[in-house]
N, C-alpha and C. Protein backbone atom coordinates (compact mmCIF):
# COMPACT_ATOMS: atom_id res chain seq x y z
N MET A 1 -68.67 -112.13 -89.51
CA MET A 1 -68.90 -113.04 -90.46
C MET A 1 -67.71 -113.21 -91.48
N ASP A 2 -67.32 -114.33 -91.83
CA ASP A 2 -66.33 -114.54 -92.69
C ASP A 2 -66.79 -114.32 -93.99
N SER A 3 -66.71 -113.40 -94.80
CA SER A 3 -67.41 -113.05 -95.82
C SER A 3 -66.25 -113.35 -97.12
N ASN A 4 -66.86 -113.75 -98.22
CA ASN A 4 -65.83 -114.13 -99.31
C ASN A 4 -65.52 -112.84 -99.87
N LYS A 5 -64.14 -112.72 -100.08
CA LYS A 5 -63.69 -111.43 -100.90
C LYS A 5 -64.35 -110.91 -101.95
N GLU A 6 -64.48 -112.05 -102.84
CA GLU A 6 -65.21 -111.69 -104.42
C GLU A 6 -66.63 -111.09 -103.96
N ILE A 7 -67.40 -111.64 -102.88
CA ILE A 7 -68.61 -110.99 -102.74
C ILE A 7 -68.59 -109.84 -102.17
N VAL A 8 -67.57 -109.38 -101.17
CA VAL A 8 -67.50 -108.15 -100.60
C VAL A 8 -67.05 -107.08 -101.75
N ASN A 9 -66.19 -107.35 -102.51
CA ASN A 9 -65.87 -106.61 -103.60
C ASN A 9 -66.88 -106.28 -104.49
N CYS A 10 -67.58 -106.95 -104.83
CA CYS A 10 -68.94 -107.02 -105.49
C CYS A 10 -69.81 -106.03 -105.13
N LEU A 11 -70.13 -106.47 -103.61
CA LEU A 11 -71.04 -105.41 -102.74
C LEU A 11 -70.77 -103.91 -102.85
N ASN A 12 -69.44 -103.73 -102.87
CA ASN A 12 -68.72 -102.28 -102.94
C ASN A 12 -69.23 -101.62 -103.89
N ARG A 13 -69.68 -102.25 -105.16
CA ARG A 13 -70.21 -101.54 -106.30
C ARG A 13 -71.61 -100.93 -105.95
N ILE A 14 -72.39 -101.04 -104.92
CA ILE A 14 -73.51 -100.38 -104.50
C ILE A 14 -73.44 -99.22 -104.28
N ASN A 15 -71.98 -98.63 -104.02
CA ASN A 15 -71.57 -97.19 -103.80
C ASN A 15 -71.84 -96.47 -105.15
N THR A 16 -71.85 -97.17 -106.17
CA THR A 16 -71.69 -96.70 -107.51
C THR A 16 -73.05 -96.44 -108.33
N ILE A 17 -73.91 -96.94 -107.80
CA ILE A 17 -75.32 -96.95 -108.40
C ILE A 17 -76.32 -95.97 -107.85
N SER A 18 -77.42 -95.72 -108.61
CA SER A 18 -78.35 -94.71 -107.86
C SER A 18 -79.10 -95.47 -106.86
N LYS A 19 -79.82 -94.82 -106.18
CA LYS A 19 -80.84 -95.16 -105.11
C LYS A 19 -81.80 -95.98 -105.71
N ASP A 20 -82.53 -95.44 -106.80
CA ASP A 20 -83.40 -96.41 -107.67
C ASP A 20 -83.05 -97.59 -108.21
N GLU A 21 -81.75 -97.61 -108.54
CA GLU A 21 -81.21 -98.93 -109.10
C GLU A 21 -81.04 -100.06 -107.93
N MET A 22 -80.53 -99.41 -106.72
CA MET A 22 -80.23 -100.19 -105.58
C MET A 22 -81.79 -100.97 -105.21
N ARG A 23 -82.87 -100.03 -105.19
CA ARG A 23 -84.28 -100.49 -104.87
C ARG A 23 -84.73 -101.50 -105.89
N ARG A 24 -84.19 -101.22 -107.20
CA ARG A 24 -84.60 -102.24 -108.25
C ARG A 24 -84.07 -103.41 -107.99
N ILE A 25 -82.67 -103.63 -107.71
CA ILE A 25 -81.75 -104.72 -107.42
C ILE A 25 -82.55 -105.55 -106.35
N LEU A 26 -82.84 -104.91 -105.19
CA LEU A 26 -83.43 -105.56 -104.06
C LEU A 26 -84.58 -106.02 -104.32
N SER A 27 -85.34 -105.55 -105.13
CA SER A 27 -86.84 -106.04 -105.56
C SER A 27 -86.74 -107.07 -106.35
N GLU A 28 -85.75 -107.45 -107.23
CA GLU A 28 -85.59 -108.58 -107.97
C GLU A 28 -85.00 -109.93 -106.85
N CYS A 29 -84.36 -109.36 -106.01
CA CYS A 29 -83.97 -110.21 -104.91
C CYS A 29 -84.91 -110.82 -104.36
N ASP A 30 -85.94 -109.89 -103.72
CA ASP A 30 -87.04 -110.28 -103.16
C ASP A 30 -87.99 -111.23 -103.95
N ARG A 31 -88.35 -111.00 -105.25
CA ARG A 31 -89.17 -111.81 -106.24
C ARG A 31 -88.77 -113.00 -106.21
N GLU A 32 -87.21 -113.24 -106.16
CA GLU A 32 -86.73 -114.37 -106.38
C GLU A 32 -86.43 -115.26 -105.29
N LEU A 33 -86.29 -114.67 -104.01
CA LEU A 33 -86.03 -115.32 -102.98
C LEU A 33 -87.47 -115.61 -102.14
N PHE A 34 -88.34 -114.78 -102.23
CA PHE A 34 -89.67 -114.86 -101.61
C PHE A 34 -90.62 -114.79 -102.52
N PRO A 35 -90.92 -115.79 -103.41
CA PRO A 35 -92.00 -115.24 -104.61
C PRO A 35 -93.46 -114.97 -104.18
N ALA A 36 -93.73 -115.52 -103.09
CA ALA A 36 -94.97 -115.48 -102.34
C ALA A 36 -95.20 -114.24 -101.71
N SER A 37 -94.14 -113.40 -101.44
CA SER A 37 -94.19 -112.22 -100.51
C SER A 37 -94.48 -110.94 -101.39
N GLU A 38 -94.81 -109.84 -100.89
CA GLU A 38 -94.93 -108.73 -101.65
C GLU A 38 -93.43 -108.18 -102.10
N SER A 39 -93.54 -107.57 -103.08
CA SER A 39 -92.29 -107.05 -103.80
C SER A 39 -91.59 -105.98 -102.68
N PHE A 40 -90.45 -105.94 -102.83
CA PHE A 40 -89.54 -104.80 -101.99
C PHE A 40 -90.35 -103.28 -102.34
N THR A 41 -90.73 -103.14 -103.72
CA THR A 41 -91.16 -101.92 -104.20
C THR A 41 -92.55 -102.37 -104.91
N GLU A 42 -93.63 -101.55 -104.79
CA GLU A 42 -94.85 -101.73 -105.65
C GLU A 42 -94.46 -101.65 -107.17
N ASN A 43 -93.52 -100.97 -107.65
CA ASN A 43 -93.34 -100.79 -109.00
C ASN A 43 -93.20 -102.03 -109.99
N SER A 44 -93.94 -102.06 -111.18
CA SER A 44 -93.46 -103.24 -111.92
C SER A 44 -92.10 -103.05 -112.63
N LEU A 45 -91.18 -103.80 -112.28
CA LEU A 45 -89.71 -103.69 -112.75
C LEU A 45 -89.14 -104.60 -113.85
N ASP A 46 -88.64 -104.14 -114.84
CA ASP A 46 -87.85 -105.23 -115.73
C ASP A 46 -86.95 -105.80 -115.29
N ASN A 47 -86.48 -106.85 -115.95
CA ASN A 47 -85.58 -107.86 -115.44
C ASN A 47 -84.29 -106.98 -115.53
N ILE A 48 -83.31 -107.23 -114.72
CA ILE A 48 -81.80 -106.32 -114.76
C ILE A 48 -81.13 -107.09 -115.85
N ALA A 49 -80.83 -106.30 -116.68
CA ALA A 49 -79.89 -106.69 -117.83
C ALA A 49 -78.56 -106.41 -117.94
N ASP A 50 -78.28 -105.26 -116.94
CA ASP A 50 -76.86 -104.76 -116.87
C ASP A 50 -76.04 -105.86 -116.06
N GLN A 51 -75.04 -106.24 -116.79
CA GLN A 51 -74.18 -107.25 -115.96
C GLN A 51 -73.45 -106.86 -114.76
N SER A 52 -73.15 -105.44 -114.48
CA SER A 52 -72.52 -105.29 -113.29
C SER A 52 -73.67 -105.16 -112.19
N ASN A 53 -75.02 -104.74 -112.40
CA ASN A 53 -76.22 -104.98 -111.50
C ASN A 53 -76.49 -106.24 -110.99
N MET A 54 -76.42 -107.23 -112.18
CA MET A 54 -76.47 -108.66 -111.99
C MET A 54 -75.47 -109.33 -111.06
N ALA A 55 -74.34 -108.79 -111.17
CA ALA A 55 -73.21 -109.16 -110.25
C ALA A 55 -73.61 -108.60 -108.75
N ILE A 56 -74.12 -107.54 -108.70
CA ILE A 56 -74.48 -106.81 -107.20
C ILE A 56 -75.85 -107.61 -106.92
N LYS A 57 -76.68 -108.11 -107.68
CA LYS A 57 -77.68 -109.07 -107.06
C LYS A 57 -77.14 -110.43 -106.50
N PHE A 58 -76.33 -110.75 -107.42
CA PHE A 58 -75.78 -112.28 -107.20
C PHE A 58 -74.93 -112.07 -105.50
N ALA A 59 -74.29 -110.96 -105.62
CA ALA A 59 -73.68 -110.74 -104.29
C ALA A 59 -74.43 -110.56 -102.90
N ILE A 60 -75.51 -109.88 -103.21
CA ILE A 60 -76.63 -109.45 -102.35
C ILE A 60 -77.19 -110.81 -101.80
N LYS A 61 -77.46 -111.86 -102.81
CA LYS A 61 -78.28 -113.11 -102.26
C LYS A 61 -77.04 -114.03 -101.62
N SER A 62 -75.86 -113.87 -102.14
CA SER A 62 -74.85 -114.64 -101.50
C SER A 62 -74.49 -114.17 -100.13
N PHE A 63 -74.38 -112.91 -99.90
CA PHE A 63 -74.28 -112.29 -98.44
C PHE A 63 -75.73 -112.67 -97.73
N LEU A 64 -76.54 -112.79 -98.26
CA LEU A 64 -77.85 -112.89 -97.38
C LEU A 64 -77.78 -114.32 -96.89
N LEU A 65 -77.46 -115.21 -97.69
CA LEU A 65 -77.22 -116.84 -97.57
C LEU A 65 -76.22 -117.01 -96.17
N GLU A 66 -74.99 -116.15 -96.46
CA GLU A 66 -74.15 -116.44 -95.72
C GLU A 66 -74.48 -115.87 -94.26
N ALA A 67 -74.95 -114.60 -94.11
CA ALA A 67 -75.62 -114.15 -93.04
C ALA A 67 -76.59 -114.92 -92.23
N THR A 68 -77.56 -115.70 -93.02
CA THR A 68 -78.56 -116.66 -92.74
C THR A 68 -77.79 -117.83 -91.99
N LYS A 69 -76.76 -118.46 -92.71
CA LYS A 69 -76.24 -119.63 -92.40
C LYS A 69 -75.64 -119.33 -90.80
N ASN A 70 -75.00 -118.20 -90.73
CA ASN A 70 -74.23 -117.75 -89.51
C ASN A 70 -75.13 -117.36 -88.47
N ASN A 71 -76.39 -117.25 -88.35
CA ASN A 71 -77.29 -116.82 -87.50
C ASN A 71 -76.91 -115.00 -87.13
N ILE A 72 -76.58 -114.23 -88.23
CA ILE A 72 -76.09 -112.89 -88.01
C ILE A 72 -77.41 -112.13 -87.52
N ASP A 73 -77.29 -111.11 -86.81
CA ASP A 73 -78.51 -110.33 -86.72
C ASP A 73 -77.93 -109.12 -87.02
N GLY A 74 -79.09 -107.98 -86.97
CA GLY A 74 -78.74 -106.68 -87.43
C GLY A 74 -77.46 -105.86 -87.10
N VAL A 75 -77.31 -106.00 -85.74
CA VAL A 75 -76.13 -105.49 -85.32
C VAL A 75 -74.68 -105.80 -85.80
N SER A 76 -74.84 -107.35 -85.94
CA SER A 76 -73.55 -107.96 -86.47
C SER A 76 -73.28 -107.77 -87.83
N THR A 77 -74.49 -107.59 -88.57
CA THR A 77 -74.50 -107.48 -90.05
C THR A 77 -73.85 -105.86 -90.28
N LYS A 78 -74.33 -105.16 -89.33
CA LYS A 78 -73.62 -103.71 -89.36
C LYS A 78 -72.26 -103.80 -89.12
N ARG A 79 -71.93 -104.29 -88.30
CA ARG A 79 -70.37 -104.39 -87.87
C ARG A 79 -69.47 -105.22 -88.87
N SER A 80 -70.15 -106.07 -89.16
CA SER A 80 -69.55 -107.04 -90.33
C SER A 80 -68.98 -106.01 -91.54
N LEU A 81 -70.02 -105.39 -92.11
CA LEU A 81 -69.94 -104.38 -93.29
C LEU A 81 -69.01 -103.19 -92.79
N GLU A 82 -69.02 -102.56 -91.56
CA GLU A 82 -68.20 -101.72 -91.15
C GLU A 82 -66.64 -102.41 -91.26
N ASP A 83 -66.58 -103.47 -90.56
CA ASP A 83 -65.24 -104.13 -90.65
C ASP A 83 -64.68 -104.25 -92.23
N GLU A 84 -65.69 -104.47 -93.07
CA GLU A 84 -65.10 -104.71 -94.57
C GLU A 84 -65.01 -103.26 -95.37
N GLY A 85 -65.12 -102.14 -94.48
CA GLY A 85 -64.78 -100.72 -94.99
C GLY A 85 -65.97 -100.06 -95.73
N PHE A 86 -67.22 -100.50 -95.45
CA PHE A 86 -68.46 -100.08 -96.00
C PHE A 86 -68.69 -98.80 -95.05
N ASP A 87 -69.21 -97.66 -96.01
CA ASP A 87 -69.71 -96.33 -95.11
C ASP A 87 -71.12 -96.63 -94.64
N LEU A 88 -71.41 -96.81 -93.40
CA LEU A 88 -72.98 -96.88 -92.78
C LEU A 88 -73.65 -95.72 -93.12
N ASN A 89 -73.13 -94.66 -93.48
CA ASN A 89 -73.94 -93.54 -93.63
C ASN A 89 -74.30 -93.42 -95.04
N ASN A 90 -73.86 -94.24 -95.98
CA ASN A 90 -74.09 -94.25 -97.30
C ASN A 90 -75.46 -94.59 -97.32
N GLU A 91 -76.30 -93.98 -98.21
CA GLU A 91 -77.78 -94.12 -98.40
C GLU A 91 -78.07 -95.61 -99.01
N ASN A 92 -77.32 -96.12 -99.91
CA ASN A 92 -77.58 -97.26 -100.45
C ASN A 92 -77.03 -98.28 -99.52
N VAL A 93 -75.97 -98.23 -98.71
CA VAL A 93 -75.72 -99.20 -97.76
C VAL A 93 -76.76 -99.22 -96.65
N GLN A 94 -77.38 -98.15 -96.42
CA GLN A 94 -78.52 -98.31 -95.23
C GLN A 94 -79.58 -98.93 -95.87
N ILE A 95 -80.03 -98.75 -97.22
CA ILE A 95 -81.12 -99.60 -97.89
C ILE A 95 -80.87 -101.20 -97.99
N PHE A 96 -79.42 -101.28 -98.30
CA PHE A 96 -79.04 -102.63 -98.16
C PHE A 96 -79.12 -103.29 -96.84
N THR A 97 -78.56 -102.74 -95.87
CA THR A 97 -78.47 -103.19 -94.43
C THR A 97 -79.95 -103.42 -93.91
N GLU A 98 -80.92 -102.65 -94.44
CA GLU A 98 -82.32 -102.79 -93.74
C GLU A 98 -82.84 -103.96 -94.36
N TYR A 99 -82.63 -103.92 -95.65
CA TYR A 99 -83.07 -105.20 -96.71
C TYR A 99 -82.65 -106.54 -95.95
N ILE A 100 -81.29 -106.48 -95.66
CA ILE A 100 -80.72 -107.84 -95.16
C ILE A 100 -81.30 -108.19 -93.70
N VAL A 101 -81.36 -107.28 -93.03
CA VAL A 101 -82.15 -107.68 -91.44
C VAL A 101 -83.59 -108.05 -91.67
N LYS A 102 -84.16 -107.29 -92.58
CA LYS A 102 -85.68 -107.68 -92.65
C LYS A 102 -85.75 -109.27 -93.47
N SER A 103 -84.80 -109.59 -94.19
CA SER A 103 -84.80 -110.92 -94.90
C SER A 103 -84.57 -112.06 -94.25
N ILE A 104 -83.54 -111.89 -93.45
CA ILE A 104 -82.99 -112.98 -92.79
C ILE A 104 -83.93 -113.91 -92.08
N PRO A 105 -84.78 -113.34 -91.14
CA PRO A 105 -85.80 -114.20 -90.46
C PRO A 105 -86.71 -114.88 -91.56
N LYS A 106 -86.98 -114.27 -92.52
CA LYS A 106 -87.76 -114.83 -93.59
C LYS A 106 -87.14 -115.93 -94.29
N LEU A 107 -85.75 -116.01 -94.84
CA LEU A 107 -85.09 -116.93 -95.41
C LEU A 107 -84.83 -117.91 -94.16
N ARG A 108 -84.60 -117.65 -93.11
CA ARG A 108 -84.53 -118.65 -92.03
C ARG A 108 -85.70 -119.65 -91.93
N HIS A 109 -86.67 -118.88 -91.67
CA HIS A 109 -88.03 -119.70 -91.78
C HIS A 109 -88.30 -120.53 -92.95
N ASN A 110 -88.07 -120.10 -93.99
CA ASN A 110 -88.20 -120.89 -95.40
C ASN A 110 -87.52 -121.98 -95.31
N LEU A 111 -85.96 -121.85 -95.09
CA LEU A 111 -85.13 -122.90 -94.98
C LEU A 111 -85.51 -124.12 -93.97
N GLU A 112 -85.99 -123.54 -92.87
CA GLU A 112 -86.36 -124.69 -91.58
C GLU A 112 -87.53 -125.18 -92.18
N ASN A 113 -88.38 -124.67 -92.92
CA ASN A 113 -89.82 -125.38 -93.39
C ASN A 113 -89.86 -125.74 -94.81
N PHE A 114 -88.67 -125.79 -95.55
CA PHE A 114 -88.48 -126.28 -96.91
C PHE A 114 -89.26 -125.53 -97.81
N GLU A 115 -89.52 -124.23 -97.76
CA GLU A 115 -90.55 -123.57 -98.50
C GLU A 115 -89.85 -122.86 -99.67
N LEU A 116 -88.52 -123.18 -99.82
CA LEU A 116 -87.73 -122.44 -101.06
C LEU A 116 -87.98 -123.32 -102.25
N SER A 117 -88.02 -122.57 -103.25
CA SER A 117 -88.13 -123.36 -104.38
C SER A 117 -86.68 -124.25 -104.65
N PRO A 118 -86.66 -125.33 -105.06
CA PRO A 118 -85.59 -126.40 -105.34
C PRO A 118 -84.73 -125.52 -106.40
N ILE A 119 -84.98 -124.87 -107.41
CA ILE A 119 -84.27 -124.48 -108.41
C ILE A 119 -84.32 -122.96 -108.21
N PHE A 120 -83.16 -122.16 -107.97
CA PHE A 120 -83.00 -120.76 -107.93
C PHE A 120 -82.00 -120.25 -109.09
N GLN A 121 -82.28 -119.36 -109.65
CA GLN A 121 -81.32 -118.83 -110.96
C GLN A 121 -80.56 -117.77 -110.18
N PHE A 122 -79.15 -117.73 -110.41
CA PHE A 122 -77.98 -117.07 -110.13
C PHE A 122 -77.34 -116.58 -111.61
N SER A 123 -77.99 -115.72 -112.20
CA SER A 123 -77.53 -115.41 -113.42
C SER A 123 -76.95 -116.77 -114.33
N ASP A 124 -78.10 -117.62 -114.32
CA ASP A 124 -77.96 -118.73 -115.18
C ASP A 124 -77.14 -120.12 -114.31
N LEU A 125 -76.96 -119.74 -112.95
CA LEU A 125 -76.43 -120.77 -112.19
C LEU A 125 -77.52 -121.35 -111.47
N GLU A 126 -77.51 -122.74 -111.54
CA GLU A 126 -78.65 -123.44 -110.68
C GLU A 126 -78.14 -123.45 -109.14
N TRP A 127 -79.16 -123.19 -108.46
CA TRP A 127 -78.69 -123.51 -107.02
C TRP A 127 -79.72 -124.49 -106.34
N SER A 128 -79.43 -125.73 -105.75
CA SER A 128 -80.50 -126.53 -105.06
C SER A 128 -80.05 -126.76 -103.75
N GLN A 129 -80.25 -126.07 -102.71
CA GLN A 129 -79.84 -126.36 -101.45
C GLN A 129 -81.06 -126.41 -100.66
N MET A 130 -81.77 -127.40 -100.95
CA MET A 130 -83.11 -127.64 -100.21
C MET A 130 -82.67 -128.17 -98.63
N PHE A 131 -81.78 -128.88 -98.44
CA PHE A 131 -81.54 -129.79 -97.21
C PHE A 131 -80.59 -128.96 -96.34
N GLU A 132 -79.71 -128.29 -97.03
CA GLU A 132 -78.58 -127.68 -96.03
C GLU A 132 -77.99 -126.38 -96.82
N ILE A 133 -77.54 -125.38 -96.03
CA ILE A 133 -77.04 -124.22 -96.76
C ILE A 133 -75.54 -124.45 -96.77
N GLU A 134 -74.93 -124.63 -97.83
CA GLU A 134 -73.43 -124.71 -98.24
C GLU A 134 -72.88 -123.22 -98.09
N SER A 135 -71.61 -123.15 -97.68
CA SER A 135 -70.90 -121.99 -97.91
C SER A 135 -71.22 -121.36 -99.14
N SER A 136 -71.60 -120.01 -99.22
CA SER A 136 -72.08 -119.35 -100.32
C SER A 136 -70.89 -118.60 -101.07
N THR A 137 -69.77 -119.28 -101.29
CA THR A 137 -68.77 -118.67 -101.94
C THR A 137 -69.15 -118.65 -103.52
N ILE A 138 -68.60 -117.96 -104.12
CA ILE A 138 -68.81 -118.04 -105.63
C ILE A 138 -68.60 -119.21 -106.36
N GLU A 139 -67.41 -119.73 -106.05
CA GLU A 139 -66.98 -121.17 -106.42
C GLU A 139 -68.19 -122.21 -106.19
N SER A 140 -68.72 -122.08 -104.99
CA SER A 140 -69.68 -123.20 -104.54
C SER A 140 -71.20 -122.98 -105.16
N MET A 141 -71.35 -121.66 -105.50
CA MET A 141 -72.63 -121.49 -106.47
C MET A 141 -72.44 -122.08 -107.66
N ARG A 142 -71.27 -122.10 -108.29
CA ARG A 142 -71.04 -122.65 -109.57
C ARG A 142 -71.16 -124.23 -109.88
N LYS A 143 -71.18 -124.82 -108.93
CA LYS A 143 -71.31 -126.29 -108.57
C LYS A 143 -72.87 -126.63 -108.87
N LYS A 144 -73.31 -127.26 -109.80
CA LYS A 144 -74.48 -127.57 -109.73
C LYS A 144 -74.67 -128.77 -108.91
N SER A 145 -76.14 -128.66 -108.47
CA SER A 145 -76.55 -129.76 -107.63
C SER A 145 -78.31 -130.07 -108.10
N TYR A 146 -78.48 -131.26 -108.01
CA TYR A 146 -79.84 -131.72 -108.59
C TYR A 146 -80.69 -132.27 -107.20
N LEU A 147 -82.03 -132.31 -107.44
CA LEU A 147 -82.94 -132.95 -106.36
C LEU A 147 -83.54 -133.91 -107.46
N ILE A 148 -83.22 -135.27 -106.89
CA ILE A 148 -84.01 -136.36 -107.72
C ILE A 148 -84.93 -136.85 -106.73
N ASN A 149 -86.28 -136.99 -107.08
CA ASN A 149 -87.34 -137.66 -106.52
C ASN A 149 -87.36 -139.18 -106.97
N PHE A 150 -87.69 -139.99 -106.02
CA PHE A 150 -87.76 -141.26 -106.25
C PHE A 150 -89.08 -141.82 -105.53
N ASP A 151 -90.02 -142.63 -106.24
CA ASP A 151 -91.26 -143.13 -105.77
C ASP A 151 -91.05 -144.46 -105.14
N VAL A 152 -91.27 -144.63 -104.09
CA VAL A 152 -91.03 -146.22 -103.41
C VAL A 152 -92.48 -146.54 -103.06
N LYS A 153 -92.70 -147.74 -103.73
CA LYS A 153 -94.15 -148.42 -103.47
C LYS A 153 -93.85 -149.34 -102.14
N GLN A 154 -94.76 -149.37 -101.29
CA GLN A 154 -94.56 -150.44 -99.87
C GLN A 154 -95.97 -150.82 -99.74
N LYS A 155 -96.16 -151.99 -99.17
CA LYS A 155 -97.60 -152.36 -98.54
C LYS A 155 -98.04 -151.66 -97.49
N ASP A 156 -99.26 -151.34 -97.56
CA ASP A 156 -99.92 -150.52 -96.48
C ASP A 156 -99.94 -151.45 -95.10
N GLU A 157 -99.51 -150.87 -93.99
CA GLU A 157 -99.56 -151.88 -92.90
C GLU A 157 -100.79 -152.04 -92.46
N GLU A 158 -101.75 -151.46 -92.66
CA GLU A 158 -103.11 -151.75 -92.19
C GLU A 158 -103.76 -152.70 -92.95
N ASN A 159 -103.56 -152.45 -94.47
CA ASN A 159 -104.30 -153.24 -95.27
C ASN A 159 -103.38 -153.74 -96.33
N ASP A 160 -103.05 -155.22 -96.22
CA ASP A 160 -102.01 -155.90 -97.07
C ASP A 160 -102.51 -155.67 -98.61
N ASP A 161 -103.63 -155.67 -98.89
CA ASP A 161 -103.81 -155.57 -100.49
C ASP A 161 -103.69 -154.26 -101.15
N GLU A 162 -103.37 -153.16 -100.28
CA GLU A 162 -103.14 -151.68 -100.83
C GLU A 162 -101.69 -151.47 -100.93
N GLU A 163 -101.19 -150.93 -101.72
CA GLU A 163 -99.75 -150.27 -101.82
C GLU A 163 -99.72 -148.79 -101.67
N GLN A 164 -99.00 -148.43 -100.84
CA GLN A 164 -98.80 -146.79 -100.52
C GLN A 164 -97.56 -146.52 -101.35
N THR A 165 -97.66 -145.21 -101.99
CA THR A 165 -96.21 -144.71 -102.53
C THR A 165 -95.69 -143.60 -101.86
N ARG A 166 -94.33 -143.75 -101.20
CA ARG A 166 -93.71 -143.08 -100.56
C ARG A 166 -92.60 -141.97 -101.57
N SER A 167 -92.51 -140.84 -101.41
CA SER A 167 -91.62 -140.11 -102.18
C SER A 167 -90.29 -139.76 -101.57
N VAL A 168 -89.21 -139.98 -101.98
CA VAL A 168 -88.11 -139.74 -101.06
C VAL A 168 -87.23 -138.76 -102.22
N THR A 169 -86.39 -137.86 -101.52
CA THR A 169 -85.90 -136.72 -102.51
C THR A 169 -84.38 -136.70 -101.99
N ILE A 170 -83.47 -137.15 -103.02
CA ILE A 170 -82.14 -137.16 -102.81
C ILE A 170 -81.49 -136.02 -103.20
N ARG A 171 -80.49 -135.36 -102.83
CA ARG A 171 -79.74 -134.30 -103.35
C ARG A 171 -78.30 -134.78 -103.84
N PHE A 172 -78.05 -134.59 -105.06
CA PHE A 172 -76.86 -135.24 -106.04
C PHE A 172 -76.07 -133.92 -106.44
N THR A 173 -74.76 -134.06 -106.42
CA THR A 173 -73.97 -133.00 -107.10
C THR A 173 -73.86 -133.63 -108.38
N GLU A 174 -73.21 -132.84 -109.31
CA GLU A 174 -73.20 -133.27 -110.64
C GLU A 174 -72.59 -134.52 -110.87
N LYS A 175 -71.28 -134.74 -109.97
CA LYS A 175 -70.27 -135.81 -110.09
C LYS A 175 -71.32 -137.05 -109.68
N GLU A 176 -72.06 -136.69 -108.44
CA GLU A 176 -72.44 -138.05 -107.80
C GLU A 176 -73.62 -138.65 -108.64
N LEU A 177 -74.31 -137.41 -109.44
CA LEU A 177 -75.54 -138.09 -110.23
C LEU A 177 -74.79 -138.76 -111.38
N ASN A 178 -73.41 -138.33 -111.94
CA ASN A 178 -72.84 -139.18 -113.21
C ASN A 178 -72.55 -140.55 -112.47
N ASP A 179 -72.19 -140.76 -111.22
CA ASP A 179 -71.57 -141.77 -110.82
C ASP A 179 -72.82 -142.78 -110.45
N PHE A 180 -74.04 -141.95 -110.09
CA PHE A 180 -75.40 -142.73 -109.78
C PHE A 180 -75.51 -143.55 -111.05
N HIS A 181 -75.91 -142.86 -112.15
CA HIS A 181 -76.24 -143.20 -113.39
C HIS A 181 -75.43 -144.29 -114.13
N SER A 182 -74.00 -144.26 -113.53
CA SER A 182 -73.12 -145.34 -114.15
C SER A 182 -73.35 -146.60 -113.45
N THR A 183 -73.53 -146.40 -112.08
CA THR A 183 -74.09 -147.63 -111.04
C THR A 183 -75.34 -148.20 -111.67
N ILE A 184 -76.41 -147.47 -112.08
CA ILE A 184 -77.25 -148.05 -112.44
C ILE A 184 -77.32 -148.75 -113.77
N LYS A 185 -76.62 -148.12 -114.71
CA LYS A 185 -76.00 -148.77 -116.21
C LYS A 185 -75.32 -150.07 -115.78
N ASP A 186 -74.27 -150.18 -114.82
CA ASP A 186 -73.76 -151.36 -114.64
C ASP A 186 -74.61 -152.30 -114.03
N CYS A 187 -75.52 -152.22 -113.10
CA CYS A 187 -76.35 -152.82 -112.71
C CYS A 187 -77.36 -153.59 -113.46
N ILE A 188 -77.93 -152.76 -114.53
CA ILE A 188 -78.68 -153.44 -115.66
C ILE A 188 -77.94 -154.30 -116.45
N ARG A 189 -76.78 -153.84 -116.74
CA ARG A 189 -75.84 -154.71 -117.58
C ARG A 189 -75.65 -155.87 -117.13
N ASN A 190 -75.27 -156.07 -115.78
CA ASN A 190 -75.14 -157.36 -114.86
C ASN A 190 -76.34 -158.21 -114.88
N LEU A 191 -77.55 -157.73 -114.75
CA LEU A 191 -78.70 -158.28 -114.71
C LEU A 191 -79.06 -158.80 -115.86
N ASP A 192 -78.85 -158.10 -117.14
CA ASP A 192 -79.01 -158.70 -118.58
C ASP A 192 -78.29 -159.92 -118.73
N HIS A 193 -76.87 -159.75 -118.23
CA HIS A 193 -75.94 -160.76 -118.44
C HIS A 193 -76.55 -162.20 -117.55
N TYR A 194 -76.92 -161.89 -116.37
CA TYR A 194 -77.39 -163.02 -115.45
C TYR A 194 -78.57 -163.67 -116.22
N ILE A 195 -79.53 -162.84 -116.60
CA ILE A 195 -80.71 -163.41 -117.34
C ILE A 195 -80.53 -164.18 -118.44
N ASP A 196 -79.63 -163.41 -119.21
CA ASP A 196 -79.04 -164.18 -120.44
C ASP A 196 -78.51 -165.67 -120.34
N ASP A 197 -77.80 -165.70 -119.17
CA ASP A 197 -77.28 -167.00 -118.79
C ASP A 197 -78.33 -168.03 -118.46
């Protein structure tokens, strides 16, 4: 797996934290990625405030997305980590690997069935990837995207007197949303000009 160097460097920090901190971080990842599932641990944990641990959490989620995108299995995950210089005998690395192997099928299932929440928080970064998984580099995570719902009314084929409302969801990047807004404003301006004439 072609892991982003920033993510790998950040993941190396798991060697510097305690086993309890590692479990706490994974528990938060679990709650954010799989809100309906049981938490990684049964303990009630406070939100992670430490910036270093927030970075580790971000890197874990990024690695998980990358692994899911590339259909990586448990053996390949371990090989990939070993290639990046991780000590597979380290207890935190083992906990991390078990978490990744356990989470990949759940995340893949959620993505295939559109069960993920459209808004994810990565340390105040918005992530809306309901329709496709983009490369999970730090830079791509910084790019905001938005899911916009449009309600389209159309005549019922069976009964002409009734209208059905169909919802269509379109994903926009920040730039596309600005362009779309400008286009709509231009259309309204042109329509107003046409009506006034």
